[in-house]
């Protein structure tokens, strides 16, 4: 999985467990693609401090995933529902399968 996507998913699931300061730094660097120097200047901290904060946040988020497996379960569920949708499309003439396809599409949209 792409590292940026992995970081974004981890943040989506576990970001609320970070402190406000950690969230701001992490969002600016990882999600908003600001440089360490830009974030350091904006927040009045050192570039090294920003770097250390990102590493710490990555370890925390990975640790939460290691214990809870929410991202892993999310990805697996999304893949399984996608398979259901593909199978249902193959039987589109059957009204029940058409409905299953519609329901699976709604589930994928919600995920």
PDB file of N, CA and C in Angstrom:
ATOM      1  N   UNK A   1       0.855  -1.177   0.000  1.00  0.00           N
ATOM      2  CA  UNK A   1       0.000   0.000   0.000  1.00  0.00           C
ATOM      3  C   UNK A   1       0.903   1.243   0.000  1.00  0.00           C
ATOM      4  N   UNK A   2       0.499   2.230  -0.760  1.00  0.00           N
ATOM      5  CA  UNK A   2       1.234   3.495  -0.827  1.00  0.00           C
ATOM      6  C   UNK A   2       1.373   4.078   0.581  1.00  0.00           C
ATOM      7  N   UNK A   3       2.564   4.571   0.908  1.00  0.00           N
ATOM      8  CA  UNK A   3       2.850   5.062   2.266  1.00  0.00           C
ATOM      9  C   UNK A   3       1.948   6.234   2.661  1.00  0.00           C
ATOM     10  N   UNK A   4       1.702   7.139   1.725  1.00  0.00           N
ATOM     11  CA  UNK A   4       0.843   8.291   2.023  1.00  0.00           C
ATOM     12  C   UNK A   4      -0.585   7.821   2.300  1.00  0.00           C
ATOM     13  N   UNK A   5      -1.086   6.890   1.497  1.00  0.00           N
ATOM     14  CA  UNK A   5      -2.426   6.347   1.721  1.00  0.00           C
ATOM     15  C   UNK A   5      -2.497   5.642   3.067  1.00  0.00           C
ATOM     16  N   UNK A   6      -1.467   4.881   3.390  1.00  0.00           N
ATOM     17  CA  UNK A   6      -1.420   4.185   4.673  1.00  0.00           C
ATOM     18  C   UNK A   6      -1.467   5.183   5.833  1.00  0.00           C
ATOM     19  N   UNK A   7      -0.661   6.247   5.737  1.00  0.00           N
ATOM     20  CA  UNK A   7      -0.649   7.258   6.790  1.00  0.00           C
ATOM     21  C   UNK A   7      -2.013   7.944   6.904  1.00  0.00           C
ATOM     22  N   UNK A   8      -2.628   8.226   5.765  1.00  0.00           N
ATOM     23  CA  UNK A   8      -3.941   8.888   5.780  1.00  0.00           C
ATOM     24  C   UNK A   8      -5.000   7.996   6.418  1.00  0.00           C
ATOM     25  N   UNK A   9      -4.976   6.705   6.085  1.00  0.00           N
ATOM     26  CA  UNK A   9      -5.945   5.780   6.682  1.00  0.00           C
ATOM     27  C   UNK A   9      -5.724   5.641   8.184  1.00  0.00           C
ATOM     28  N   UNK A  10      -4.465   5.501   8.580  1.00  0.00           N
ATOM     29  CA  UNK A  10      -4.173   5.408  10.010  1.00  0.00           C
ATOM     30  C   UNK A  10      -4.662   6.659  10.731  1.00  0.00           C
ATOM     31  N   UNK A  11      -4.443   7.810  10.128  1.00  0.00           N
ATOM     32  CA  UNK A  11      -4.884   9.061  10.749  1.00  0.00           C
ATOM     33  C   UNK A  11      -6.414   9.129  10.795  1.00  0.00           C
ATOM     34  N   UNK A  12      -7.077   8.695   9.722  1.00  0.00           N
ATOM     35  CA  UNK A  12      -8.543   8.705   9.709  1.00  0.00           C
ATOM     36  C   UNK A  12      -9.110   7.870  10.852  1.00  0.00           C
ATOM     37  N   UNK A  13      -8.507   6.733  11.105  1.00  0.00           N
ATOM     38  CA  UNK A  13      -9.029   5.840  12.130  1.00  0.00           C
ATOM     39  C   UNK A  13      -8.590   6.209  13.542  1.00  0.00           C
ATOM     40  N   UNK A  14      -7.353   6.669  13.682  1.00  0.00           N
ATOM     41  CA  UNK A  14      -6.802   6.844  15.024  1.00  0.00           C
ATOM     42  C   UNK A  14      -6.366   8.273  15.348  1.00  0.00           C
ATOM     43  N   UNK A  15      -6.544   9.193  14.422  1.00  0.00           N
ATOM     44  CA  UNK A  15      -6.073  10.556  14.618  1.00  0.00           C
ATOM     45  C   UNK A  15      -6.636  11.246  15.845  1.00  0.00           C
ATOM     46  N   UNK A  16      -7.852  10.922  16.204  1.00  0.00           N
ATOM     47  CA  UNK A  16      -8.476  11.553  17.382  1.00  0.00           C
ATOM     48  C   UNK A  16      -7.790  11.153  18.685  1.00  0.00           C
ATOM     49  N   UNK A  17      -6.944  10.140  18.637  1.00  0.00           N
ATOM     50  CA  UNK A  17      -6.217   9.709  19.831  1.00  0.00           C
ATOM     51  C   UNK A  17      -4.931  10.512  20.043  1.00  0.00           C
ATOM     52  N   UNK A  18      -4.582  11.341  19.057  1.00  0.00           N
ATOM     53  CA  UNK A  18      -3.411  12.206  19.190  1.00  0.00           C
ATOM     54  C   UNK A  18      -3.807  13.489  19.912  1.00  0.00           C
ATOM     55  N   UNK A  19      -2.818  14.169  20.478  1.00  0.00           N
ATOM     56  CA  UNK A  19      -3.097  15.463  21.105  1.00  0.00           C
ATOM     57  C   UNK A  19      -3.375  16.495  20.014  1.00  0.00           C
ATOM     58  N   UNK A  20      -3.921  17.629  20.399  1.00  0.00           N
ATOM     59  CA  UNK A  20      -4.205  18.686  19.440  1.00  0.00           C
ATOM     60  C   UNK A  20      -2.962  19.142  18.702  1.00  0.00           C
ATOM     61  N   UNK A  21      -1.864  19.294  19.429  1.00  0.00           N
ATOM     62  CA  UNK A  21      -0.610  19.726  18.814  1.00  0.00           C
ATOM     63  C   UNK A  21      -0.094  18.663  17.843  1.00  0.00           C
ATOM     64  N   UNK A  22      -0.149  17.402  18.240  1.00  0.00           N
ATOM     65  CA  UNK A  22       0.288  16.322  17.364  1.00  0.00           C
ATOM     66  C   UNK A  22      -0.558  16.287  16.092  1.00  0.00           C
ATOM     67  N   UNK A  23      -1.870  16.448  16.255  1.00  0.00           N
ATOM     68  CA  UNK A  23      -2.762  16.431  15.091  1.00  0.00           C
ATOM     69  C   UNK A  23      -2.425  17.553  14.123  1.00  0.00           C
ATOM     70  N   UNK A  24      -2.196  18.738  14.662  1.00  0.00           N
ATOM     71  CA  UNK A  24      -1.910  19.882  13.786  1.00  0.00           C
ATOM     72  C   UNK A  24      -0.624  19.647  12.995  1.00  0.00           C
ATOM     73  N   UNK A  25       0.429  19.224  13.668  1.00  0.00           N
ATOM     74  CA  UNK A  25       1.704  18.974  12.992  1.00  0.00           C
ATOM     75  C   UNK A  25       1.538  17.855  11.960  1.00  0.00           C
ATOM     76  N   UNK A  26       0.904  16.770  12.352  1.00  0.00           N
ATOM     77  CA  UNK A  26       0.733  15.623  11.462  1.00  0.00           C
ATOM     78  C   UNK A  26      -0.092  15.998  10.229  1.00  0.00           C
ATOM     79  N   UNK A  27      -1.196  16.704  10.443  1.00  0.00           N
ATOM     80  CA  UNK A  27      -2.038  17.123   9.321  1.00  0.00           C
ATOM     81  C   UNK A  27      -1.271  18.022   8.364  1.00  0.00           C
ATOM     82  N   UNK A  28      -0.532  18.979   8.914  1.00  0.00           N
ATOM     83  CA  UNK A  28       0.204  19.902   8.055  1.00  0.00           C
ATOM     84  C   UNK A  28       1.252  19.187   7.213  1.00  0.00           C
ATOM     85  N   UNK A  29       1.999  18.281   7.825  1.00  0.00           N
ATOM     86  CA  UNK A  29       3.080  17.609   7.097  1.00  0.00           C
ATOM     87  C   UNK A  29       2.541  16.502   6.194  1.00  0.00           C
ATOM     88  N   UNK A  30       1.747  15.620   6.741  1.00  0.00           N
ATOM     89  CA  UNK A  30       1.339  14.424   5.992  1.00  0.00           C
ATOM     90  C   UNK A  30       0.152  14.699   5.066  1.00  0.00           C
ATOM     91  N   UNK A  31      -0.864  15.343   5.571  1.00  0.00           N
ATOM     92  CA  UNK A  31      -2.070  15.525   4.769  1.00  0.00           C
ATOM     93  C   UNK A  31      -2.032  16.772   3.895  1.00  0.00           C
ATOM     94  N   UNK A  32      -1.428  17.850   4.392  1.00  0.00           N
ATOM     95  CA  UNK A  32      -1.386  19.100   3.633  1.00  0.00           C
ATOM     96  C   UNK A  32      -0.088  19.284   2.868  1.00  0.00           C
ATOM     97  N   UNK A  33       0.862  18.365   3.052  1.00  0.00           N
ATOM     98  CA  UNK A  33       2.118  18.332   2.317  1.00  0.00           C
ATOM     99  C   UNK A  33       2.981  19.575   2.512  1.00  0.00           C
ATOM    100  N   UNK A  34       2.944  20.147   3.723  1.00  0.00           N
ATOM    101  CA  UNK A  34       3.849  21.251   4.040  1.00  0.00           C
ATOM    102  C   UNK A  34       5.208  20.664   4.407  1.00  0.00           C
ATOM    103  N   UNK A  35       6.250  21.431   4.189  1.00  0.00           N
ATOM    104  CA  UNK A  35       7.585  20.969   4.554  1.00  0.00           C
ATOM    105  C   UNK A  35       7.779  21.096   6.064  1.00  0.00           C
ATOM    106  N   UNK A  36       8.750  20.362   6.575  1.00  0.00           N
ATOM    107  CA  UNK A  36       9.076  20.466   7.998  1.00  0.00           C
ATOM    108  C   UNK A  36       9.415  21.907   8.354  1.00  0.00           C
ATOM    109  N   UNK A  37      10.141  22.564   7.474  1.00  0.00           N
ATOM    110  CA  UNK A  37      10.554  23.947   7.728  1.00  0.00           C
ATOM    111  C   UNK A  37       9.352  24.885   7.808  1.00  0.00           C
ATOM    112  N   UNK A  38       8.388  24.702   6.909  1.00  0.00           N
ATOM    113  CA  UNK A  38       7.185  25.553   6.922  1.00  0.00           C
ATOM    114  C   UNK A  38       6.406  25.364   8.222  1.00  0.00           C
ATOM    115  N   UNK A  39       6.230  24.131   8.617  1.00  0.00           N
ATOM    116  CA  UNK A  39       5.474  23.840   9.833  1.00  0.00           C
ATOM    117  C   UNK A  39       6.223  24.369  11.049  1.00  0.00           C
ATOM    118  N   UNK A  40       7.526  24.154  11.068  1.00  0.00           N
ATOM    119  CA  UNK A  40       8.346  24.629  12.190  1.00  0.00           C
ATOM    120  C   UNK A  40       8.225  26.143  12.326  1.00  0.00           C
ATOM    121  N   UNK A  41       8.307  26.849  11.224  1.00  0.00           N
ATOM    122  CA  UNK A  41       8.207  28.311  11.255  1.00  0.00           C
ATOM    123  C   UNK A  41       6.830  28.768  11.726  1.00  0.00           C
ATOM    124  N   UNK A  42       5.789  28.129  11.200  1.00  0.00           N
ATOM    125  CA  UNK A  42       4.418  28.507  11.576  1.00  0.00           C
ATOM    126  C   UNK A  42       4.119  28.261  13.050  1.00  0.00           C
ATOM    127  N   UNK A  43       4.698  27.207  13.616  1.00  0.00           N
ATOM    128  CA  UNK A  43       4.400  26.839  14.999  1.00  0.00           C
ATOM    129  C   UNK A  43       5.463  27.292  15.994  1.00  0.00           C
ATOM    130  N   UNK A  44       6.536  27.867  15.492  1.00  0.00           N
ATOM    131  CA  UNK A  44       7.584  28.350  16.383  1.00  0.00           C
ATOM    132  C   UNK A  44       8.364  27.244  17.069  1.00  0.00           C
ATOM    133  N   UNK A  45       8.550  26.128  16.358  1.00  0.00           N
ATOM    134  CA  UNK A  45       9.354  25.028  16.889  1.00  0.00           C
ATOM    135  C   UNK A  45      10.456  24.716  15.887  1.00  0.00           C
ATOM    136  N   UNK A  46      11.378  23.862  16.256  1.00  0.00           N
ATOM    137  CA  UNK A  46      12.487  23.535  15.354  1.00  0.00           C
ATOM    138  C   UNK A  46      12.033  22.541  14.284  1.00  0.00           C
ATOM    139  N   UNK A  47      12.792  22.532  13.201  1.00  0.00           N
ATOM    140  CA  UNK A  47      12.535  21.574  12.127  1.00  0.00           C
ATOM    141  C   UNK A  47      12.715  20.154  12.658  1.00  0.00           C
ATOM    142  N   UNK A  48      13.709  19.968  13.497  1.00  0.00           N
ATOM    143  CA  UNK A  48      13.954  18.660  14.110  1.00  0.00           C
ATOM    144  C   UNK A  48      12.785  18.253  15.003  1.00  0.00           C
ATOM    145  N   UNK A  49      12.203  19.233  15.692  1.00  0.00           N
ATOM    146  CA  UNK A  49      11.032  18.958  16.524  1.00  0.00           C
ATOM    147  C   UNK A  49       9.863  18.463  15.700  1.00  0.00           C
ATOM    148  N   UNK A  50       9.669  19.048  14.531  1.00  0.00           N
ATOM    149  CA  UNK A  50       8.597  18.606  13.619  1.00  0.00           C
ATOM    150  C   UNK A  50       8.885  17.184  13.157  1.00  0.00           C
ATOM    151  N   UNK A  51      10.133  16.937  12.753  1.00  0.00           N
ATOM    152  CA  UNK A  51      10.523  15.605  12.300  1.00  0.00           C
ATOM    153  C   UNK A  51      10.270  14.560  13.383  1.00  0.00           C
ATOM    154  N   UNK A  52      10.702  14.870  14.602  1.00  0.00           N
ATOM    155  CA  UNK A  52      10.509  13.940  15.723  1.00  0.00           C
ATOM    156  C   UNK A  52       9.029  13.703  16.008  1.00  0.00           C
ATOM    157  N   UNK A  53       8.225  14.769  15.907  1.00  0.00           N
ATOM    158  CA  UNK A  53       6.784  14.653  16.159  1.00  0.00           C
ATOM    159  C   UNK A  53       6.132  13.731  15.125  1.00  0.00           C
ATOM    160  N   UNK A  54       6.517  13.852  13.869  1.00  0.00           N
ATOM    161  CA  UNK A  54       5.951  12.999  12.815  1.00  0.00           C
ATOM    162  C   UNK A  54       6.339  11.542  13.065  1.00  0.00           C
ATOM    163  N   UNK A  55       7.599  11.303  13.407  1.00  0.00           N
ATOM    164  CA  UNK A  55       8.027   9.934  13.699  1.00  0.00           C
ATOM    165  C   UNK A  55       7.261   9.359  14.891  1.00  0.00           C
ATOM    166  N   UNK A  56       7.086  10.170  15.932  1.00  0.00           N
ATOM    167  CA  UNK A  56       6.363   9.732  17.128  1.00  0.00           C
ATOM    168  C   UNK A  56       4.904   9.420  16.779  1.00  0.00           C
ATOM    169  N   UNK A  57       4.291  10.300  16.006  1.00  0.00           N
ATOM    170  CA  UNK A  57       2.890  10.080  15.615  1.00  0.00           C
ATOM    171  C   UNK A  57       2.752   8.814  14.773  1.00  0.00           C
ATOM    172  N   UNK A  58       3.678   8.620  13.841  1.00  0.00           N
ATOM    173  CA  UNK A  58       3.632   7.408  13.017  1.00  0.00           C
ATOM    174  C   UNK A  58       3.741   6.152  13.876  1.00  0.00           C
ATOM    175  N   UNK A  59       4.615   6.188  14.876  1.00  0.00           N
ATOM    176  CA  UNK A  59       4.753   5.034  15.786  1.00  0.00           C
ATOM    177  C   UNK A  59       3.471   4.822  16.588  1.00  0.00           C
ATOM    178  N   UNK A  60       2.892   5.918  17.078  1.00  0.00           N
ATOM    179  CA  UNK A  60       1.649   5.799  17.849  1.00  0.00           C
ATOM    180  C   UNK A  60       0.524   5.225  17.001  1.00  0.00           C
ATOM    181  N   UNK A  61       0.348   5.781  15.807  1.00  0.00           N
ATOM    182  CA  UNK A  61      -0.735   5.326  14.933  1.00  0.00           C
ATOM    183  C   UNK A  61      -0.533   3.872  14.529  1.00  0.00           C
ATOM    184  N   UNK A  62       0.702   3.503  14.209  1.00  0.00           N
ATOM    185  CA  UNK A  62       0.997   2.107  13.856  1.00  0.00           C
ATOM    186  C   UNK A  62       0.754   1.186  15.052  1.00  0.00           C
ATOM    187  N   UNK A  63       1.074   1.664  16.243  1.00  0.00           N
ATOM    188  CA  UNK A  63       0.832   0.869  17.452  1.00  0.00           C
ATOM    189  C   UNK A  63      -0.650   0.626  17.693  1.00  0.00           C
ATOM    190  N   UNK A  64      -1.452   1.653  17.460  1.00  0.00           N
ATOM    191  CA  UNK A  64      -2.905   1.485  17.593  1.00  0.00           C
ATOM    192  C   UNK A  64      -3.413   0.459  16.591  1.00  0.00           C
ATOM    193  N   UNK A  65      -2.917   0.537  15.362  1.00  0.00           N
ATOM    194  CA  UNK A  65      -3.341  -0.412  14.333  1.00  0.00           C
ATOM    195  C   UNK A  65      -2.898  -1.826  14.688  1.00  0.00           C
ATOM    196  N   UNK A  66      -1.711  -1.959  15.227  1.00  0.00           N
ATOM    197  CA  UNK A  66      -1.200  -3.267  15.620  1.00  0.00           C
ATOM    198  C   UNK A  66      -2.099  -3.918  16.671  1.00  0.00           C
ATOM    199  N   UNK A  67      -2.663  -3.098  17.542  1.00  0.00           N
ATOM    200  CA  UNK A  67      -3.521  -3.621  18.603  1.00  0.00           C
ATOM    201  C   UNK A  67      -4.971  -3.801  18.161  1.00  0.00           C
ATOM    202  N   UNK A  68      -5.485  -2.878  17.354  1.00  0.00           N
ATOM    203  CA  UNK A  68      -6.913  -2.865  17.032  1.00  0.00           C
ATOM    204  C   UNK A  68      -7.265  -3.379  15.634  1.00  0.00           C
ATOM    205  N   UNK A  69      -6.360  -3.289  14.693  1.00  0.00           N
ATOM    206  CA  UNK A  69      -6.542  -3.798  13.328  1.00  0.00           C
ATOM    207  C   UNK A  69      -7.748  -3.189  12.598  1.00  0.00           C
ATOM    208  N   UNK A  70      -8.113  -1.960  12.892  1.00  0.00           N
ATOM    209  CA  UNK A  70      -9.282  -1.353  12.257  1.00  0.00           C
ATOM    210  C   UNK A  70      -9.054  -1.072  10.776  1.00  0.00           C
ATOM    211  N   UNK A  71      -7.872  -0.597  10.414  1.00  0.00           N
ATOM    212  CA  UNK A  71      -7.578  -0.322   9.010  1.00  0.00           C
ATOM    213  C   UNK A  71      -7.549  -1.620   8.221  1.00  0.00           C
ATOM    214  N   UNK A  72      -6.923  -2.625   8.780  1.00  0.00           N
ATOM    215  CA  UNK A  72      -6.858  -3.938   8.131  1.00  0.00           C
ATOM    216  C   UNK A  72      -8.274  -4.483   7.890  1.00  0.00           C
ATOM    217  N   UNK A  73      -9.131  -4.386   8.880  1.00  0.00           N
ATOM    218  CA  UNK A  73     -10.508  -4.865   8.746  1.00  0.00           C
ATOM    219  C   UNK A  73     -11.280  -4.042   7.728  1.00  0.00           C
ATOM    220  N   UNK A  74     -11.045  -2.725   7.717  1.00  0.00           N
ATOM    221  CA  UNK A  74     -11.703  -1.845   6.762  1.00  0.00           C
ATOM    222  C   UNK A  74     -11.338  -2.225   5.333  1.00  0.00           C
ATOM    223  N   UNK A  75     -10.057  -2.422   5.073  1.00  0.00           N
ATOM    224  CA  UNK A  75      -9.602  -2.761   3.726  1.00  0.00           C
ATOM    225  C   UNK A  75     -10.163  -4.113   3.299  1.00  0.00           C
ATOM    226  N   UNK A  76     -10.142  -5.072   4.197  1.00  0.00           N
ATOM    227  CA  UNK A  76     -10.685  -6.396   3.894  1.00  0.00           C
ATOM    228  C   UNK A  76     -12.178  -6.327   3.595  1.00  0.00           C
ATOM    229  N   UNK A  77     -12.906  -5.592   4.406  1.00  0.00           N
ATOM    230  CA  UNK A  77     -14.349  -5.459   4.199  1.00  0.00           C
ATOM    231  C   UNK A  77     -14.648  -4.785   2.871  1.00  0.00           C
ATOM    232  N   UNK A  78     -13.897  -3.744   2.539  1.00  0.00           N
ATOM    233  CA  UNK A  78     -14.097  -3.036   1.278  1.00  0.00           C
ATOM    234  C   UNK A  78     -13.854  -3.975   0.096  1.00  0.00           C
ATOM    235  N   UNK A  79     -12.820  -4.801   0.184  1.00  0.00           N
ATOM    236  CA  UNK A  79     -12.524  -5.757  -0.889  1.00  0.00           C
ATOM    237  C   UNK A  79     -13.626  -6.812  -1.018  1.00  0.00           C
ATOM    238  N   UNK A  80     -14.111  -7.317   0.108  1.00  0.00           N
ATOM    239  CA  UNK A  80     -15.154  -8.339   0.081  1.00  0.00           C
ATOM    240  C   UNK A  80     -16.457  -7.800  -0.495  1.00  0.00           C
ATOM    241  N   UNK A  81     -16.825  -6.593  -0.109  1.00  0.00           N
ATOM    242  CA  UNK A  81     -18.048  -5.996  -0.648  1.00  0.00           C
ATOM    243  C   UNK A  81     -17.878  -5.723  -2.144  1.00  0.00           C
ATOM    244  N   UNK A  82     -16.674  -5.341  -2.559  1.00  0.00           N
ATOM    245  CA  UNK A  82     -16.401  -5.150  -3.983  1.00  0.00           C
ATOM    246  C   UNK A  82     -16.565  -6.444  -4.762  1.00  0.00           C
ATOM    247  N   UNK A  83     -16.140  -7.564  -4.174  1.00  0.00           N
ATOM    248  CA  UNK A  83     -16.316  -8.866  -4.817  1.00  0.00           C
ATOM    249  C   UNK A  83     -17.799  -9.226  -4.928  1.00  0.00           C
ATOM    250  N   UNK A  84     -18.550  -8.954  -3.879  1.00  0.00           N
ATOM    251  CA  UNK A  84     -19.998  -9.210  -3.913  1.00  0.00           C
ATOM    252  C   UNK A  84     -20.637  -8.407  -5.039  1.00  0.00           C
ATOM    253  N   UNK A  85     -20.230  -7.159  -5.165  1.00  0.00           N
ATOM    254  CA  UNK A  85     -20.797  -6.304  -6.199  1.00  0.00           C
ATOM    255  C   UNK A  85     -20.466  -6.835  -7.596  1.00  0.00           C
ATOM    256  N   UNK A  86     -19.241  -7.287  -7.805  1.00  0.00           N
ATOM    257  CA  UNK A  86     -18.856  -7.844  -9.109  1.00  0.00           C
ATOM    258  C   UNK A  86     -19.680  -9.091  -9.439  1.00  0.00           C
ATOM    259  N   UNK A  87     -19.850  -9.955  -8.461  1.00  0.00           N
ATOM    260  CA  UNK A  87     -20.632 -11.175  -8.674  1.00  0.00           C
ATOM    261  C   UNK A  87     -22.079 -10.819  -8.994  1.00  0.00           C
ATOM    262  N   UNK A  88     -22.640  -9.880  -8.266  1.00  0.00           N
ATOM    263  CA  UNK A  88     -24.032  -9.481  -8.481  1.00  0.00           C
ATOM    264  C   UNK A  88     -24.229  -8.880  -9.869  1.00  0.00           C
ATOM    265  N   UNK A  89     -23.238  -8.149 -10.369  1.00  0.00           N
ATOM    266  CA  UNK A  89     -23.346  -7.562 -11.719  1.00  0.00           C
ATOM    267  C   UNK A  89     -23.420  -8.645 -12.786  1.00  0.00           C
ATOM    268  N   UNK A  90     -22.801  -9.781 -12.518  1.00  0.00           N
ATOM    269  CA  UNK A  90     -22.840 -10.893 -13.462  1.00  0.00           C
ATOM    270  C   UNK A  90     -24.219 -11.526 -13.575  1.00  0.00           C
ATOM    271  N   UNK A  91     -25.076 -11.273 -12.606  1.00  0.00           N
ATOM    272  CA  UNK A  91     -26.430 -11.827 -12.594  1.00  0.00           C
ATOM    273  C   UNK A  91     -27.460 -10.710 -12.543  1.00  0.00           C
ATOM    274  N   UNK A  92     -27.223  -9.665 -13.303  1.00  0.00           N
ATOM    275  CA  UNK A  92     -28.050  -8.454 -13.238  1.00  0.00           C
ATOM    276  C   UNK A  92     -29.495  -8.703 -13.648  1.00  0.00           C
ATOM    277  N   UNK A  93     -29.746  -9.748 -14.435  1.00  0.00           N
ATOM    278  CA  UNK A  93     -31.129 -10.023 -14.848  1.00  0.00           C
ATOM    279  C   UNK A  93     -31.973 -10.564 -13.698  1.00  0.00           C
ATOM    280  N   UNK A  94     -31.338 -11.107 -12.697  1.00  0.00           N
ATOM    281  CA  UNK A  94     -32.033 -11.621 -11.521  1.00  0.00           C
ATOM    282  C   UNK A  94     -32.327 -10.445 -10.586  1.00  0.00           C
ATOM    283  N   UNK A  95     -33.621 -10.183 -10.271  1.00  0.00           N
ATOM    284  CA  UNK A  95     -33.961  -9.033  -9.430  1.00  0.00           C
ATOM    285  C   UNK A  95     -33.290  -9.057  -8.053  1.00  0.00           C
ATOM    286  N   UNK A  96     -33.155 -10.233  -7.474  1.00  0.00           N
ATOM    287  CA  UNK A  96     -32.518 -10.325  -6.157  1.00  0.00           C
ATOM    288  C   UNK A  96     -31.032  -9.959  -6.249  1.00  0.00           C
ATOM    289  N   UNK A  97     -30.372 -10.429  -7.294  1.00  0.00           N
ATOM    290  CA  UNK A  97     -28.958 -10.104  -7.466  1.00  0.00           C
ATOM    291  C   UNK A  97     -28.775  -8.623  -7.794  1.00  0.00           C
ATOM    292  N   UNK A  98     -29.723  -8.069  -8.525  1.00  0.00           N
ATOM    293  CA  UNK A  98     -29.659  -6.638  -8.832  1.00  0.00           C
ATOM    294  C   UNK A  98     -29.743  -5.832  -7.533  1.00  0.00           C
ATOM    295  N   UNK A  99     -30.620  -6.257  -6.652  1.00  0.00           N
ATOM    296  CA  UNK A  99     -30.755  -5.584  -5.358  1.00  0.00           C
ATOM    297  C   UNK A  99     -29.490  -5.748  -4.512  1.00  0.00           C
ATOM    298  N   UNK A 100     -28.910  -6.942  -4.543  1.00  0.00           N
ATOM    299  CA  UNK A 100     -27.658  -7.174  -3.824  1.00  0.00           C
ATOM    300  C   UNK A 100     -26.569  -6.248  -4.362  1.00  0.00           C
ATOM    301  N   UNK A 101     -26.528  -6.092  -5.679  1.00  0.00           N
ATOM    302  CA  UNK A 101     -25.554  -5.189  -6.287  1.00  0.00           C
ATOM    303  C   UNK A 101     -25.753  -3.751  -5.838  1.00  0.00           C
ATOM    304  N   UNK A 102     -27.010  -3.341  -5.747  1.00  0.00           N
ATOM    305  CA  UNK A 102     -27.316  -1.977  -5.298  1.00  0.00           C
ATOM    306  C   UNK A 102     -26.927  -1.779  -3.826  1.00  0.00           C
ATOM    307  N   UNK A 103     -27.234  -2.762  -3.012  1.00  0.00           N
ATOM    308  CA  UNK A 103     -26.888  -2.677  -1.589  1.00  0.00           C
ATOM    309  C   UNK A 103     -25.370  -2.648  -1.414  1.00  0.00           C
ATOM    310  N   UNK A 104     -24.656  -3.501  -2.153  1.00  0.00           N
ATOM    311  CA  UNK A 104     -23.198  -3.512  -2.030  1.00  0.00           C
ATOM    312  C   UNK A 104     -22.595  -2.193  -2.508  1.00  0.00           C
ATOM    313  N   UNK A 105     -23.192  -1.588  -3.538  1.00  0.00           N
ATOM    314  CA  UNK A 105     -22.717  -0.279  -3.997  1.00  0.00           C
ATOM    315  C   UNK A 105     -22.909   0.786  -2.920  1.00  0.00           C
ATOM    316  N   UNK A 106     -24.031   0.720  -2.215  1.00  0.00           N
ATOM    317  CA  UNK A 106     -24.283   1.682  -1.128  1.00  0.00           C
ATOM    318  C   UNK A 106     -23.279   1.471   0.008  1.00  0.00           C
ATOM    319  N   UNK A 107     -22.991   0.206   0.312  1.00  0.00           N
ATOM    320  CA  UNK A 107     -22.028  -0.084   1.380  1.00  0.00           C
ATOM    321  C   UNK A 107     -20.649   0.456   0.999  1.00  0.00           C
ATOM    322  N   UNK A 108     -20.219   0.223  -0.242  1.00  0.00           N
ATOM    323  CA  UNK A 108     -18.920   0.722  -0.701  1.00  0.00           C
ATOM    324  C   UNK A 108     -18.867   2.243  -0.626  1.00  0.00           C
ATOM    325  N   UNK A 109     -19.960   2.873  -0.969  1.00  0.00           N
ATOM    326  CA  UNK A 109     -20.024   4.338  -0.912  1.00  0.00           C
ATOM    327  C   UNK A 109     -19.873   4.837   0.518  1.00  0.00           C
ATOM    328  N   UNK A 110     -20.473   4.124   1.464  1.00  0.00           N
ATOM    329  CA  UNK A 110     -20.396   4.513   2.861  1.00  0.00           C
ATOM    330  C   UNK A 110     -19.000   4.290   3.445  1.00  0.00           C
ATOM    331  N   UNK A 111     -18.305   3.252   2.930  1.00  0.00           N
ATOM    332  CA  UNK A 111     -16.962   2.959   3.446  1.00  0.00           C
ATOM    333  C   UNK A 111     -16.015   4.031   2.953  1.00  0.00           C
TER     334      UNK A 111
END
